[in-house]
Amino acid sequence: MEDSLSLKLAALADPTRRAIVARLARGEASVAELQKPFGISQPAISRHLKVLEAAGLIEQGRAAQTRPRRLKVEALRETGAWFDQVASFWQESFDRLDEMLATEKGEDC
């Protein structure tokens, strides 16, 4: 069993799925609306949507006869928080390296 972050990152590894997420960031959309810009078959777009739904990144709504998809913003925030933690770790590491190099440079003068 994979953890939810792994599922989200695996789902977002595909450029078509990232484009779908970007499109849904502008508002919910039907399968037909999501399919149109990609020029791929309805079954293919449905497979991408299933992966995104299984990862918890999007959900299916209900509006009359259609089943529009929309983003689950909280799921994206969780993924973004992980990237922020990694970026913070590296920024702190580079800051410490800068301080150490500045100290060594000062000692050489």
PDB file of N, CA and C in Angstrom:
ATOM      1  N   MET A   1       0.839  -1.183   0.000  1.00  0.00           N
ATOM      2  CA  MET A   1       0.000   0.000   0.000  1.00  0.00           C
ATOM      3  C   MET A   1       0.884   1.247   0.000  1.00  0.00           C
ATOM      4  N   GLU A   2       0.591   2.147  -0.939  1.00  0.00           N
ATOM      5  CA  GLU A   2       1.372   3.364  -1.044  1.00  0.00           C
ATOM      6  C   GLU A   2       0.768   4.460  -0.164  1.00  0.00           C
ATOM      7  N   ASP A   3       1.640   5.328   0.308  1.00  0.00           N
ATOM      8  CA  ASP A   3       1.130   6.454   1.089  1.00  0.00           C
ATOM      9  C   ASP A   3       0.505   7.479   0.152  1.00  0.00           C
ATOM     10  N   SER A   4      -0.285   8.375   0.715  1.00  0.00           N
ATOM     11  CA  SER A   4      -1.026   9.306  -0.139  1.00  0.00           C
ATOM     12  C   SER A   4      -0.109  10.281  -0.874  1.00  0.00           C
ATOM     13  N   LEU A   5       0.989  10.690  -0.257  1.00  0.00           N
ATOM     14  CA  LEU A   5       1.910  11.595  -0.954  1.00  0.00           C
ATOM     15  C   LEU A   5       2.508  10.908  -2.177  1.00  0.00           C
ATOM     16  N   SER A   6       2.876   9.639  -2.042  1.00  0.00           N
ATOM     17  CA  SER A   6       3.428   8.903  -3.185  1.00  0.00           C
ATOM     18  C   SER A   6       2.407   8.796  -4.312  1.00  0.00           C
ATOM     19  N   LEU A   7       1.158   8.542  -3.960  1.00  0.00           N
ATOM     20  CA  LEU A   7       0.103   8.472  -4.981  1.00  0.00           C
ATOM     21  C   LEU A   7      -0.058   9.814  -5.694  1.00  0.00           C
ATOM     22  N   LYS A   8      -0.022  10.892  -4.916  1.00  0.00           N
ATOM     23  CA  LYS A   8      -0.186  12.225  -5.526  1.00  0.00           C
ATOM     24  C   LYS A   8       0.990  12.546  -6.440  1.00  0.00           C
ATOM     25  N   LEU A   9       2.203  12.290  -5.973  1.00  0.00           N
ATOM     26  CA  LEU A   9       3.370  12.603  -6.798  1.00  0.00           C
ATOM     27  C   LEU A   9       3.413  11.735  -8.049  1.00  0.00           C
ATOM     28  N   ALA A  10       3.050  10.462  -7.925  1.00  0.00           N
ATOM     29  CA  ALA A  10       3.010   9.581  -9.095  1.00  0.00           C
ATOM     30  C   ALA A  10       1.968  10.077 -10.100  1.00  0.00           C
ATOM     31  N   ALA A  11       0.828  10.495  -9.602  1.00  0.00           N
ATOM     32  CA  ALA A  11      -0.217  11.004 -10.493  1.00  0.00           C
ATOM     33  C   ALA A  11       0.247  12.265 -11.209  1.00  0.00           C
ATOM     34  N   LEU A  12       0.964  13.126 -10.497  1.00  0.00           N
ATOM     35  CA  LEU A  12       1.403  14.391 -11.084  1.00  0.00           C
ATOM     36  C   LEU A  12       2.652  14.245 -11.950  1.00  0.00           C
ATOM     37  N   ALA A  13       3.226  13.056 -11.991  1.00  0.00           N
ATOM     38  CA  ALA A  13       4.408  12.831 -12.828  1.00  0.00           C
ATOM     39  C   ALA A  13       4.062  12.875 -14.311  1.00  0.00           C
ATOM     40  N   ASP A  14       2.817  12.654 -14.641  1.00  0.00           N
ATOM     41  CA  ASP A  14       2.387  12.650 -16.041  1.00  0.00           C
ATOM     42  C   ASP A  14       2.018  14.070 -16.487  1.00  0.00           C
ATOM     43  N   PRO A  15       2.572  14.551 -17.606  1.00  0.00           N
ATOM     44  CA  PRO A  15       2.285  15.933 -18.047  1.00  0.00           C
ATOM     45  C   PRO A  15       0.818  16.181 -18.385  1.00  0.00           C
ATOM     46  N   THR A  16       0.123  15.176 -18.915  1.00  0.00           N
ATOM     47  CA  THR A  16      -1.296  15.375 -19.224  1.00  0.00           C
ATOM     48  C   THR A  16      -2.087  15.579 -17.939  1.00  0.00           C
ATOM     49  N   ARG A  17      -1.761  14.796 -16.920  1.00  0.00           N
ATOM     50  CA  ARG A  17      -2.481  14.940 -15.642  1.00  0.00           C
ATOM     51  C   ARG A  17      -2.165  16.286 -14.989  1.00  0.00           C
ATOM     52  N   ARG A  18      -0.914  16.748 -15.106  1.00  0.00           N
ATOM     53  CA  ARG A  18      -0.593  18.080 -14.564  1.00  0.00           C
ATOM     54  C   ARG A  18      -1.380  19.156 -15.313  1.00  0.00           C
ATOM     55  N   ALA A  19      -1.522  18.988 -16.615  1.00  0.00           N
ATOM     56  CA  ALA A  19      -2.293  19.956 -17.403  1.00  0.00           C
ATOM     57  C   ALA A  19      -3.771  19.922 -16.999  1.00  0.00           C
ATOM     58  N   ILE A  20      -4.279  18.748 -16.701  1.00  0.00           N
ATOM     59  CA  ILE A  20      -5.671  18.647 -16.237  1.00  0.00           C
ATOM     60  C   ILE A  20      -5.821  19.382 -14.912  1.00  0.00           C
ATOM     61  N   VAL A  21      -4.874  19.178 -14.004  1.00  0.00           N
ATOM     62  CA  VAL A  21      -4.921  19.879 -12.713  1.00  0.00           C
ATOM     63  C   VAL A  21      -4.856  21.387 -12.935  1.00  0.00           C
ATOM     64  N   ALA A  22      -3.991  21.822 -13.840  1.00  0.00           N
ATOM     65  CA  ALA A  22      -3.887  23.260 -14.137  1.00  0.00           C
ATOM     66  C   ALA A  22      -5.209  23.782 -14.695  1.00  0.00           C
ATOM     67  N   ARG A  23      -5.844  23.002 -15.563  1.00  0.00           N
ATOM     68  CA  ARG A  23      -7.136  23.429 -16.117  1.00  0.00           C
ATOM     69  C   ARG A  23      -8.186  23.517 -15.015  1.00  0.00           C
ATOM     70  N   LEU A  24      -8.200  22.532 -14.118  1.00  0.00           N
ATOM     71  CA  LEU A  24      -9.195  22.528 -13.046  1.00  0.00           C
ATOM     72  C   LEU A  24      -8.935  23.626 -12.014  1.00  0.00           C
ATOM     73  N   ALA A  25      -7.732  24.160 -11.992  1.00  0.00           N
ATOM     74  CA  ALA A  25      -7.443  25.288 -11.091  1.00  0.00           C
ATOM     75  C   ALA A  25      -8.256  26.516 -11.486  1.00  0.00           C
ATOM     76  N   ARG A  26      -8.711  26.552 -12.755  1.00  0.00           N
ATOM     77  CA  ARG A  26      -9.540  27.676 -13.220  1.00  0.00           C
ATOM     78  C   ARG A  26     -11.016  27.443 -12.955  1.00  0.00           C
ATOM     79  N   GLY A  27     -11.374  26.240 -12.510  1.00  0.00           N
ATOM     80  CA  GLY A  27     -12.769  25.925 -12.223  1.00  0.00           C
ATOM     81  C   GLY A  27     -13.116  24.528 -12.687  1.00  0.00           C
ATOM     82  N   GLU A  28     -14.223  24.016 -12.162  1.00  0.00           N
ATOM     83  CA  GLU A  28     -14.599  22.652 -12.505  1.00  0.00           C
ATOM     84  C   GLU A  28     -14.936  22.535 -13.983  1.00  0.00           C
ATOM     85  N   ALA A  29     -14.810  21.307 -14.492  1.00  0.00           N
ATOM     86  CA  ALA A  29     -15.029  21.085 -15.921  1.00  0.00           C
ATOM     87  C   ALA A  29     -15.545  19.669 -16.142  1.00  0.00           C
ATOM     88  N   SER A  30     -16.307  19.506 -17.215  1.00  0.00           N
ATOM     89  CA  SER A  30     -16.820  18.188 -17.590  1.00  0.00           C
ATOM     90  C   SER A  30     -15.708  17.394 -18.275  1.00  0.00           C
ATOM     91  N   VAL A  31     -15.945  16.111 -18.436  1.00  0.00           N
ATOM     92  CA  VAL A  31     -14.970  15.261 -19.119  1.00  0.00           C
ATOM     93  C   VAL A  31     -14.748  15.769 -20.548  1.00  0.00           C
ATOM     94  N   ALA A  32     -15.817  16.148 -21.223  1.00  0.00           N
ATOM     95  CA  ALA A  32     -15.694  16.647 -22.603  1.00  0.00           C
ATOM     96  C   ALA A  32     -14.850  17.913 -22.649  1.00  0.00           C
ATOM     97  N   GLU A  33     -15.051  18.802 -21.681  1.00  0.00           N
ATOM     98  CA  GLU A  33     -14.256  20.035 -21.645  1.00  0.00           C
ATOM     99  C   GLU A  33     -12.790  19.744 -21.356  1.00  0.00           C
ATOM    100  N   LEU A  34     -12.544  18.739 -20.537  1.00  0.00           N
ATOM    101  CA  LEU A  34     -11.169  18.379 -20.221  1.00  0.00           C
ATOM    102  C   LEU A  34     -10.505  17.657 -21.389  1.00  0.00           C
ATOM    103  N   GLN A  35     -11.280  16.902 -22.141  1.00  0.00           N
ATOM    104  CA  GLN A  35     -10.755  16.123 -23.256  1.00  0.00           C
ATOM    105  C   GLN A  35     -10.340  17.013 -24.422  1.00  0.00           C
ATOM    106  N   LYS A  36     -11.116  18.058 -24.672  1.00  0.00           N
ATOM    107  CA  LYS A  36     -10.958  18.879 -25.875  1.00  0.00           C
ATOM    108  C   LYS A  36      -9.519  19.363 -26.132  1.00  0.00           C
ATOM    109  N   PRO A  37      -8.840  20.000 -25.191  1.00  0.00           N
ATOM    110  CA  PRO A  37      -7.509  20.540 -25.520  1.00  0.00           C
ATOM    111  C   PRO A  37      -6.428  19.493 -25.760  1.00  0.00           C
ATOM    112  N   PHE A  38      -6.652  18.267 -25.336  1.00  0.00           N
ATOM    113  CA  PHE A  38      -5.607  17.253 -25.438  1.00  0.00           C
ATOM    114  C   PHE A  38      -5.700  16.420 -26.709  1.00  0.00           C
ATOM    115  N   GLY A  39      -6.854  16.406 -27.345  1.00  0.00           N
ATOM    116  CA  GLY A  39      -7.005  15.625 -28.562  1.00  0.00           C
ATOM    117  C   GLY A  39      -6.802  14.138 -28.341  1.00  0.00           C
ATOM    118  N   ILE A  40      -7.180  13.660 -27.172  1.00  0.00           N
ATOM    119  CA  ILE A  40      -7.093  12.225 -26.883  1.00  0.00           C
ATOM    120  C   ILE A  40      -8.501  11.678 -26.692  1.00  0.00           C
ATOM    121  N   SER A  41      -8.628  10.382 -26.730  1.00  0.00           N
ATOM    122  CA  SER A  41      -9.946   9.753 -26.663  1.00  0.00           C
ATOM    123  C   SER A  41     -10.579   9.928 -25.287  1.00  0.00           C
ATOM    124  N   GLN A  42     -11.894   9.765 -25.257  1.00  0.00           N
ATOM    125  CA  GLN A  42     -12.617   9.857 -23.989  1.00  0.00           C
ATOM    126  C   GLN A  42     -12.151   8.792 -23.001  1.00  0.00           C
ATOM    127  N   PRO A  43     -11.941   7.535 -23.452  1.00  0.00           N
ATOM    128  CA  PRO A  43     -11.416   6.548 -22.494  1.00  0.00           C
ATOM    129  C   PRO A  43     -10.042   6.937 -21.938  1.00  0.00           C
ATOM    130  N   ALA A  44      -9.204   7.542 -22.778  1.00  0.00           N
ATOM    131  CA  ALA A  44      -7.869   7.944 -22.304  1.00  0.00           C
ATOM    132  C   ALA A  44      -7.975   9.043 -21.253  1.00  0.00           C
ATOM    133  N   ILE A  45      -8.831  10.036 -21.496  1.00  0.00           N
ATOM    134  CA  ILE A  45      -8.973  11.112 -20.500  1.00  0.00           C
ATOM    135  C   ILE A  45      -9.601  10.557 -19.227  1.00  0.00           C
ATOM    136  N   SER A  46     -10.516   9.600 -19.378  1.00  0.00           N
ATOM    137  CA  SER A  46     -11.136   8.982 -18.193  1.00  0.00           C
ATOM    138  C   SER A  46     -10.102   8.238 -17.354  1.00  0.00           C
ATOM    139  N   ARG A  47      -9.144   7.579 -18.017  1.00  0.00           N
ATOM    140  CA  ARG A  47      -8.086   6.886 -17.258  1.00  0.00           C
ATOM    141  C   ARG A  47      -7.245   7.889 -16.462  1.00  0.00           C
ATOM    142  N   HIS A  48      -6.931   9.019 -17.093  1.00  0.00           N
ATOM    143  CA  HIS A  48      -6.175  10.051 -16.373  1.00  0.00           C
ATOM    144  C   HIS A  48      -6.981  10.572 -15.180  1.00  0.00           C
ATOM    145  N   LEU A  49      -8.269  10.771 -15.379  1.00  0.00           N
ATOM    146  CA  LEU A  49      -9.108  11.283 -14.290  1.00  0.00           C
ATOM    147  C   LEU A  49      -9.192  10.277 -13.147  1.00  0.00           C
ATOM    148  N   LYS A  50      -9.258   9.000 -13.481  1.00  0.00           N
ATOM    149  CA  LYS A  50      -9.307   7.973 -12.431  1.00  0.00           C
ATOM    150  C   LYS A  50      -8.035   7.976 -11.591  1.00  0.00           C
ATOM    151  N   VAL A  51      -6.903   8.157 -12.243  1.00  0.00           N
ATOM    152  CA  VAL A  51      -5.629   8.217 -11.499  1.00  0.00           C
ATOM    153  C   VAL A  51      -5.627   9.421 -10.559  1.00  0.00           C
ATOM    154  N   LEU A  52      -6.066  10.571 -11.065  1.00  0.00           N
ATOM    155  CA  LEU A  52      -6.108  11.783 -10.236  1.00  0.00           C
ATOM    156  C   LEU A  52      -7.102  11.630  -9.086  1.00  0.00           C
ATOM    157  N   GLU A  53      -8.228  10.961  -9.342  1.00  0.00           N
ATOM    158  CA  GLU A  53      -9.217  10.734  -8.277  1.00  0.00           C
ATOM    159  C   GLU A  53      -8.676   9.759  -7.241  1.00  0.00           C
ATOM    160  N   ALA A  54      -8.017   8.701  -7.695  1.00  0.00           N
ATOM    161  CA  ALA A  54      -7.453   7.715  -6.767  1.00  0.00           C
ATOM    162  C   ALA A  54      -6.368   8.343  -5.895  1.00  0.00           C
ATOM    163  N   ALA A  55      -5.669   9.329  -6.442  1.00  0.00           N
ATOM    164  CA  ALA A  55      -4.632  10.033  -5.678  1.00  0.00           C
ATOM    165  C   ALA A  55      -5.236  11.065  -4.733  1.00  0.00           C
ATOM    166  N   GLY A  56      -6.530  11.305  -4.879  1.00  0.00           N
ATOM    167  CA  GLY A  56      -7.202  12.266  -4.002  1.00  0.00           C
ATOM    168  C   GLY A  56      -7.017  13.708  -4.418  1.00  0.00           C
ATOM    169  N   LEU A  57      -6.580  13.920  -5.657  1.00  0.00           N
ATOM    170  CA  LEU A  57      -6.322  15.286  -6.112  1.00  0.00           C
ATOM    171  C   LEU A  57      -7.550  15.967  -6.710  1.00  0.00           C
ATOM    172  N   ILE A  58      -8.475  15.162  -7.243  1.00  0.00           N
ATOM    173  CA  ILE A  58      -9.704  15.728  -7.810  1.00  0.00           C
ATOM    174  C   ILE A  58     -10.881  14.909  -7.314  1.00  0.00           C
ATOM    175  N   GLU A  59     -12.046  15.470  -7.485  1.00  0.00           N
ATOM    176  CA  GLU A  59     -13.262  14.741  -7.127  1.00  0.00           C
ATOM    177  C   GLU A  59     -14.330  15.010  -8.166  1.00  0.00           C
ATOM    178  N   GLN A  60     -15.292  14.104  -8.200  1.00  0.00           N
ATOM    179  CA  GLN A  60     -16.381  14.210  -9.163  1.00  0.00           C
ATOM    180  C   GLN A  60     -17.578  14.848  -8.500  1.00  0.00           C
ATOM    181  N   GLY A  61     -18.121  15.873  -9.154  1.00  0.00           N
ATOM    182  CA  GLY A  61     -19.318  16.512  -8.644  1.00  0.00           C
ATOM    183  C   GLY A  61     -20.540  16.004  -9.383  1.00  0.00           C
ATOM    184  N   ARG A  62     -21.630  16.700  -9.207  1.00  0.00           N
ATOM    185  CA  ARG A  62     -22.855  16.323  -9.891  1.00  0.00           C
ATOM    186  C   ARG A  62     -23.615  17.610 -10.220  1.00  0.00           C
ATOM    187  N   ALA A  63     -23.852  17.814 -11.502  1.00  0.00           N
ATOM    188  CA  ALA A  63     -24.606  18.979 -11.962  1.00  0.00           C
ATOM    189  C   ALA A  63     -25.520  18.504 -13.082  1.00  0.00           C
ATOM    190  N   ALA A  64     -26.804  18.336 -12.741  1.00  0.00           N
ATOM    191  CA  ALA A  64     -27.800  17.816 -13.700  1.00  0.00           C
ATOM    192  C   ALA A  64     -27.325  16.482 -14.262  1.00  0.00           C
ATOM    193  N   GLN A  65     -27.115  16.413 -15.571  1.00  0.00           N
ATOM    194  CA  GLN A  65     -26.714  15.155 -16.206  1.00  0.00           C
ATOM    195  C   GLN A  65     -25.206  14.990 -16.306  1.00  0.00           C
ATOM    196  N   THR A  66     -24.446  15.979 -15.913  1.00  0.00           N
ATOM    197  CA  THR A  66     -22.989  15.892 -16.049  1.00  0.00           C
ATOM    198  C   THR A  66     -22.336  15.581 -14.703  1.00  0.00           C
ATOM    199  N   ARG A  67     -21.106  15.141 -14.784  1.00  0.00           N
ATOM    200  CA  ARG A  67     -20.302  14.823 -13.593  1.00  0.00           C
ATOM    201  C   ARG A  67     -18.998  15.611 -13.675  1.00  0.00           C
ATOM    202  N   PRO A  68     -19.087  16.920 -13.429  1.00  0.00           N
ATOM    203  CA  PRO A  68     -17.871  17.736 -13.550  1.00  0.00           C
ATOM    204  C   PRO A  68     -16.827  17.345 -12.504  1.00  0.00           C
ATOM    205  N   ARG A  69     -15.580  17.521 -12.883  1.00  0.00           N
ATOM    206  CA  ARG A  69     -14.482  17.267 -11.940  1.00  0.00           C
ATOM    207  C   ARG A  69     -14.012  18.592 -11.382  1.00  0.00           C
ATOM    208  N   ARG A  70     -13.539  18.549 -10.149  1.00  0.00           N
ATOM    209  CA  ARG A  70     -12.969  19.743  -9.521  1.00  0.00           C
ATOM    210  C   ARG A  70     -11.798  19.351  -8.651  1.00  0.00           C
ATOM    211  N   LEU A  71     -10.939  20.326  -8.402  1.00  0.00           N
ATOM    212  CA  LEU A  71      -9.754  20.080  -7.579  1.00  0.00           C
ATOM    213  C   LEU A  71     -10.135  19.903  -6.123  1.00  0.00           C
ATOM    214  N   LYS A  72      -9.358  19.090  -5.432  1.00  0.00           N
ATOM    215  CA  LYS A  72      -9.447  19.012  -3.984  1.00  0.00           C
ATOM    216  C   LYS A  72      -8.263  19.835  -3.467  1.00  0.00           C
ATOM    217  N   VAL A  73      -8.544  21.085  -3.196  1.00  0.00           N
ATOM    218  CA  VAL A  73      -7.492  22.052  -2.879  1.00  0.00           C
ATOM    219  C   VAL A  73      -6.651  21.605  -1.683  1.00  0.00           C
ATOM    220  N   GLU A  74      -7.274  21.026  -0.682  1.00  0.00           N
ATOM    221  CA  GLU A  74      -6.523  20.598   0.505  1.00  0.00           C
ATOM    222  C   GLU A  74      -5.463  19.554   0.142  1.00  0.00           C
ATOM    223  N   ALA A  75      -5.792  18.672  -0.791  1.00  0.00           N
ATOM    224  CA  ALA A  75      -4.820  17.652  -1.220  1.00  0.00           C
ATOM    225  C   ALA A  75      -3.618  18.303  -1.892  1.00  0.00           C
ATOM    226  N   LEU A  76      -3.857  19.339  -2.677  1.00  0.00           N
ATOM    227  CA  LEU A  76      -2.754  20.053  -3.313  1.00  0.00           C
ATOM    228  C   LEU A  76      -1.920  20.800  -2.279  1.00  0.00           C
ATOM    229  N   ARG A  77      -2.575  21.333  -1.254  1.00  0.00           N
ATOM    230  CA  ARG A  77      -1.830  22.035  -0.192  1.00  0.00           C
ATOM    231  C   ARG A  77      -0.896  21.069   0.531  1.00  0.00           C
ATOM    232  N   GLU A  78      -1.367  19.848   0.780  1.00  0.00           N
ATOM    233  CA  GLU A  78      -0.522  18.853   1.451  1.00  0.00           C
ATOM    234  C   GLU A  78       0.717  18.550   0.607  1.00  0.00           C
ATOM    235  N   THR A  79       0.518  18.413  -0.698  1.00  0.00           N
ATOM    236  CA  THR A  79       1.640  18.142  -1.598  1.00  0.00           C
ATOM    237  C   THR A  79       2.586  19.337  -1.628  1.00  0.00           C
ATOM    238  N   GLY A  80       2.037  20.530  -1.700  1.00  0.00           N
ATOM    239  CA  GLY A  80       2.857  21.727  -1.691  1.00  0.00           C
ATOM    240  C   GLY A  80       3.636  21.883  -0.396  1.00  0.00           C
ATOM    241  N   ALA A  81       3.024  21.496   0.720  1.00  0.00           N
ATOM    242  CA  ALA A  81       3.712  21.580   2.015  1.00  0.00           C
ATOM    243  C   ALA A  81       4.945  20.684   2.028  1.00  0.00           C
ATOM    244  N   TRP A  82       4.854  19.516   1.412  1.00  0.00           N
ATOM    245  CA  TRP A  82       6.007  18.618   1.350  1.00  0.00           C
ATOM    246  C   TRP A  82       7.145  19.279   0.561  1.00  0.00           C
ATOM    247  N   PHE A  83       6.803  19.878  -0.589  1.00  0.00           N
ATOM    248  CA  PHE A  83       7.833  20.562  -1.382  1.00  0.00           C
ATOM    249  C   PHE A  83       8.433  21.728  -0.589  1.00  0.00           C
ATOM    250  N   ASP A  84       7.597  22.449   0.162  1.00  0.00           N
ATOM    251  CA  ASP A  84       8.104  23.562   0.976  1.00  0.00           C
ATOM    252  C   ASP A  84       9.093  23.063   2.024  1.00  0.00           C
ATOM    253  N   GLN A  85       8.811  21.909   2.637  1.00  0.00           N
ATOM    254  CA  GLN A  85       9.724  21.353   3.637  1.00  0.00           C
ATOM    255  C   GLN A  85      11.068  20.991   3.008  1.00  0.00           C
ATOM    256  N   VAL A  86      11.030  20.361   1.844  1.00  0.00           N
ATOM    257  CA  VAL A  86      12.269  19.978   1.165  1.00  0.00           C
ATOM    258  C   VAL A  86      13.055  21.228   0.760  1.00  0.00           C
ATOM    259  N   ALA A  87      12.358  22.218   0.219  1.00  0.00           N
ATOM    260  CA  ALA A  87      13.028  23.459  -0.189  1.00  0.00           C
ATOM    261  C   ALA A  87      13.641  24.155   1.020  1.00  0.00           C
ATOM    262  N   SER A  88      12.932  24.146   2.145  1.00  0.00           N
ATOM    263  CA  SER A  88      13.444  24.778   3.359  1.00  0.00           C
ATOM    264  C   SER A  88      14.709  24.073   3.845  1.00  0.00           C
ATOM    265  N   PHE A  89      14.712  22.744   3.819  1.00  0.00           N
ATOM    266  CA  PHE A  89      15.889  21.985   4.228  1.00  0.00           C
ATOM    267  C   PHE A  89      17.101  22.385   3.392  1.00  0.00           C
ATOM    268  N   TRP A  90      16.931  22.421   2.062  1.00  0.00           N
ATOM    269  CA  TRP A  90      18.053  22.752   1.201  1.00  0.00           C
ATOM    270  C   TRP A  90      18.482  24.199   1.344  1.00  0.00           C
ATOM    271  N   GLN A  91      17.527  25.106   1.524  1.00  0.00           N
ATOM    272  CA  GLN A  91      17.888  26.514   1.705  1.00  0.00           C
ATOM    273  C   GLN A  91      18.710  26.689   2.972  1.00  0.00           C
ATOM    274  N   GLU A  92      18.318  26.032   4.056  1.00  0.00           N
ATOM    275  CA  GLU A  92      19.082  26.112   5.307  1.00  0.00           C
ATOM    276  C   GLU A  92      20.471  25.507   5.127  1.00  0.00           C
ATOM    277  N   SER A  93      20.553  24.406   4.377  1.00  0.00           N
ATOM    278  CA  SER A  93      21.861  23.783   4.131  1.00  0.00           C
ATOM    279  C   SER A  93      22.775  24.720   3.332  1.00  0.00           C
ATOM    280  N   PHE A  94      22.239  25.359   2.312  1.00  0.00           N
ATOM    281  CA  PHE A  94      23.036  26.294   1.516  1.00  0.00           C
ATOM    282  C   PHE A  94      23.438  27.514   2.348  1.00  0.00           C
ATOM    283  N   ASP A  95      22.529  27.971   3.211  1.00  0.00           N
ATOM    284  CA  ASP A  95      22.859  29.114   4.075  1.00  0.00           C
ATOM    285  C   ASP A  95      24.025  28.759   4.998  1.00  0.00           C
ATOM    286  N   ARG A  96      23.991  27.558   5.592  1.00  0.00           N
ATOM    287  CA  ARG A  96      25.099  27.127   6.464  1.00  0.00           C
ATOM    288  C   ARG A  96      26.401  27.005   5.667  1.00  0.00           C
ATOM    289  N   LEU A  97      26.317  26.493   4.437  1.00  0.00           N
ATOM    290  CA  LEU A  97      27.502  26.384   3.584  1.00  0.00           C
ATOM    291  C   LEU A  97      28.057  27.769   3.262  1.00  0.00           C
ATOM    292  N   ASP A  98      27.185  28.718   2.944  1.00  0.00           N
ATOM    293  CA  ASP A  98      27.629  30.096   2.677  1.00  0.00           C
ATOM    294  C   ASP A  98      28.351  30.669   3.889  1.00  0.00           C
ATOM    295  N   GLU A  99      27.801  30.448   5.087  1.00  0.00           N
ATOM    296  CA  GLU A  99      28.421  30.968   6.313  1.00  0.00           C
ATOM    297  C   GLU A  99      29.793  30.328   6.528  1.00  0.00           C
ATOM    298  N   MET A 100      29.864  29.010   6.312  1.00  0.00           N
ATOM    299  CA  MET A 100      31.129  28.305   6.508  1.00  0.00           C
ATOM    300  C   MET A 100      32.182  28.802   5.501  1.00  0.00           C
ATOM    301  N   LEU A 101      31.795  28.973   4.243  1.00  0.00           N
ATOM    302  CA  LEU A 101      32.735  29.459   3.235  1.00  0.00           C
ATOM    303  C   LEU A 101      33.164  30.890   3.524  1.00  0.00           C
ATOM    304  N   ALA A 102      32.229  31.721   3.988  1.00  0.00           N
ATOM    305  CA  ALA A 102      32.574  33.101   4.334  1.00  0.00           C
ATOM    306  C   ALA A 102      33.550  33.125   5.497  1.00  0.00           C
ATOM    307  N   THR A 103      33.331  32.237   6.476  1.00  0.00           N
ATOM    308  CA  THR A 103      34.233  32.165   7.627  1.00  0.00           C
ATOM    309  C   THR A 103      35.621  31.715   7.183  1.00  0.00           C
ATOM    310  N   GLU A 104      35.696  30.695   6.359  1.00  0.00           N
ATOM    311  CA  GLU A 104      36.986  30.202   5.870  1.00  0.00           C
ATOM    312  C   GLU A 104      37.693  31.250   5.029  1.00  0.00           C
ATOM    313  N   LYS A 105      36.943  31.971   4.225  1.00  0.00           N
ATOM    314  CA  LYS A 105      37.531  33.022   3.384  1.00  0.00           C
ATOM    315  C   LYS A 105      38.102  34.127   4.264  1.00  0.00           C
ATOM    316  N   GLY A 106      37.381  34.464   5.357  1.00  0.00           N
ATOM    317  CA  GLY A 106      37.854  35.481   6.294  1.00  0.00           C
ATOM    318  C   GLY A 106      39.106  35.043   7.020  1.00  0.00           C
ATOM    319  N   GLU A 107      39.234  33.756   7.297  1.00  0.00           N
ATOM    320  CA  GLU A 107      40.409  33.236   7.996  1.00  0.00           C
ATOM    321  C   GLU A 107      41.641  33.242   7.094  1.00  0.00           C
ATOM    322  N   ASP A 108      41.407  33.096   5.759  1.00  0.00           N
ATOM    323  CA  ASP A 108      42.526  33.067   4.816  1.00  0.00           C
ATOM    324  C   ASP A 108      43.118  34.450   4.591  1.00  0.00           C
ATOM    325  N   CYS A 109      42.325  35.511   4.813  1.00  0.00           N
ATOM    326  CA  CYS A 109      42.812  36.873   4.533  1.00  0.00           C
ATOM    327  C   CYS A 109      43.734  37.405   5.613  1.00  0.00           C
TER     328      CYS A 109
END
